[in-house]
Structures are given as structure tokens and as C-alpha cells.
């Protein structure tokens, strides 16, 4: 099962368009069941998730935690990706200080 695990520092009032950019698993290699979790180290991180042309999560506040999302308890977002779909996790910091966002995506081939 492919897993993407990323820790990303988002600067004050900045946006990271895709924390998964550059990952070997950014594009689905087969039809896949996706399970995703995102936590911010502090309040103020907003998350948008898209898979292909599907919006999975419209910009919403991230849950707050000091570590990576706990599997399976904090894997709040699920979808099915078609082969070739791009998986995008966008983080936007709404505060005046940098905040770390932690993302896990598990992909199970169907």
C-alpha cells in the first residue's frame, strides 16, 4: 500500500498549493481507495483536498494535533481515485506566524 507522509511548514499568511507535489504517489498509479488525514500544529491552517476533478474537502479548518494523524482514527477524508488522477492537498495559513501541517495519504489499489 503506497503511503505519502509529509510535514510542511506553511509561512504566515501563505498557501502551499499541493503538499504532495513531487511525490512518487502524487498521481494515482491505478484505481485506488484513498484514506487521508491532515493535522495542523496549531489553529489557523485551512485545508482543501481534491482528487482529479472531485472536491473532497472545500477549504476548512484542519484538526489540531502535535503529531501525524493517527491511523485510522484521524483519517477523516476518503475517496476513490481513478488511474492518473492527481491528489492535491492544499494548506493555507490564516495567521501571522508559521504553522506546521502534517499529512498522511494511504492508497489501496482496487
Protein backbone atom coordinates (compact mmCIF):
# COMPACT_ATOMS: atom_id res chain seq x y z
CA UNK A 1 0.00 0.00 0.00
CA UNK A 2 1.58 3.32 -1.05
CA UNK A 3 1.74 5.92 1.72
CA UNK A 4 2.61 9.59 1.50
CA UNK A 5 3.66 11.22 4.76
CA UNK A 6 4.59 14.91 4.65
CA UNK A 7 5.42 17.57 7.21
CA UNK A 8 5.10 21.05 5.72
CA UNK A 9 5.81 24.44 7.29
CA UNK A 10 3.32 26.99 5.98
CA UNK A 11 4.60 30.56 6.32
CA UNK A 12 2.47 33.33 7.81
CA UNK A 13 -0.50 34.20 5.56
CA UNK A 14 0.85 31.86 2.86
CA UNK A 15 -0.50 28.93 0.85
CA UNK A 16 1.13 25.66 -0.16
CA UNK A 17 -0.75 24.70 -3.32
CA UNK A 18 -0.01 20.96 -3.03
CA UNK A 19 1.95 19.40 -0.18
CA UNK A 20 2.10 16.18 -2.22
CA UNK A 21 3.82 17.85 -5.18
CA UNK A 22 6.86 15.85 -6.26
CA UNK A 23 5.80 12.65 -4.51
CA UNK A 24 6.06 9.42 -6.49
CA UNK A 25 2.41 8.84 -5.50
CA UNK A 26 1.02 12.31 -6.34
CA UNK A 27 -0.77 10.76 -9.35
CA UNK A 28 -2.78 7.59 -8.81
CA UNK A 29 -0.97 4.66 -10.46
CA UNK A 30 -4.14 2.56 -10.55
CA UNK A 31 -7.72 2.88 -9.39
CA UNK A 32 -7.20 3.47 -5.67
CA UNK A 33 -9.11 3.83 -2.43
CA UNK A 34 -7.62 6.85 -0.62
CA UNK A 35 -7.68 7.50 3.10
CA UNK A 36 -6.30 10.90 4.13
CA UNK A 37 -5.58 12.77 7.34
CA UNK A 38 -4.32 16.32 7.90
CA UNK A 39 -3.42 17.98 11.20
CA UNK A 40 -2.13 21.46 11.92
CA UNK A 41 0.30 22.01 14.80
CA UNK A 42 -1.86 24.99 15.82
CA UNK A 43 -5.19 26.51 14.86
CA UNK A 44 -5.14 28.58 11.67
CA UNK A 45 -4.44 26.04 8.93
CA UNK A 46 -7.20 25.61 6.34
CA UNK A 47 -7.24 22.53 4.10
CA UNK A 48 -8.64 21.91 0.62
CA UNK A 49 -8.45 18.39 -0.86
CA UNK A 50 -9.13 17.48 -4.49
CA UNK A 51 -8.71 14.19 -6.32
CA UNK A 52 -8.82 14.56 -10.09
CA UNK A 53 -11.81 16.82 -10.77
CA UNK A 54 -13.53 15.97 -7.47
CA UNK A 55 -13.54 18.33 -4.50
CA UNK A 56 -13.22 16.13 -1.41
CA UNK A 57 -12.90 18.92 1.14
CA UNK A 58 -13.70 22.55 0.45
CA UNK A 59 -11.45 24.91 2.40
CA UNK A 60 -12.00 24.01 6.06
CA UNK A 61 -10.05 24.34 9.31
CA UNK A 62 -7.65 21.45 9.95
CA UNK A 63 -7.87 19.46 13.14
CA UNK A 64 -5.10 20.40 15.56
CA UNK A 65 -2.51 17.96 16.88
CA UNK A 66 1.16 17.73 17.73
CA UNK A 67 1.99 14.64 15.65
CA UNK A 68 0.90 12.94 12.43
CA UNK A 69 -2.74 11.87 12.10
CA UNK A 70 -3.47 8.64 13.96
CA UNK A 71 -4.43 5.75 11.67
CA UNK A 72 -7.37 5.04 11.38
CA UNK A 73 -8.88 7.45 13.95
CA UNK A 74 -7.87 10.75 12.31
CA UNK A 75 -8.08 9.71 8.66
CA UNK A 76 -11.17 11.84 8.13
CA UNK A 77 -11.24 12.02 4.30
CA UNK A 78 -11.82 9.12 1.91
CA UNK A 79 -12.27 8.87 -1.84
CA UNK A 80 -11.70 6.63 -4.83
CA UNK A 81 -9.12 7.88 -7.34
CA UNK A 82 -9.12 6.79 -10.96
CA UNK A 83 -5.77 5.88 -12.50
CA UNK A 84 -3.94 9.10 -13.38
CA UNK A 85 -5.92 11.36 -11.02
CA UNK A 86 -3.81 13.97 -9.26
CA UNK A 87 -4.16 14.04 -5.47
CA UNK A 88 -3.95 17.61 -4.16
CA UNK A 89 -3.81 18.66 -0.51
CA UNK A 90 -3.69 22.46 -0.29
CA UNK A 91 -2.81 24.17 3.02
CA UNK A 92 -3.48 27.86 3.72
CA UNK A 93 -2.19 29.60 6.84
CA UNK A 94 -4.59 32.29 8.08
CA UNK A 95 -2.34 33.53 10.90
CA UNK A 96 0.59 35.87 11.37
CA UNK A 97 3.06 33.07 12.22
CA UNK A 98 4.33 29.92 10.51
CA UNK A 99 2.42 26.70 11.28
CA UNK A 100 3.40 23.10 10.54
CA UNK A 101 0.88 20.90 8.75
CA UNK A 102 1.20 17.10 8.77
CA UNK A 103 -0.43 15.00 6.06
CA UNK A 104 -0.81 11.25 5.54
CA UNK A 105 -2.37 9.68 2.44
CA UNK A 106 -2.80 5.90 2.22
CA UNK A 107 -3.62 4.45 -1.20
CA UNK A 108 -5.01 0.94 -1.66
CA UNK A 109 -5.12 -0.37 -5.23
CA UNK A 110 -8.54 -1.63 -6.29
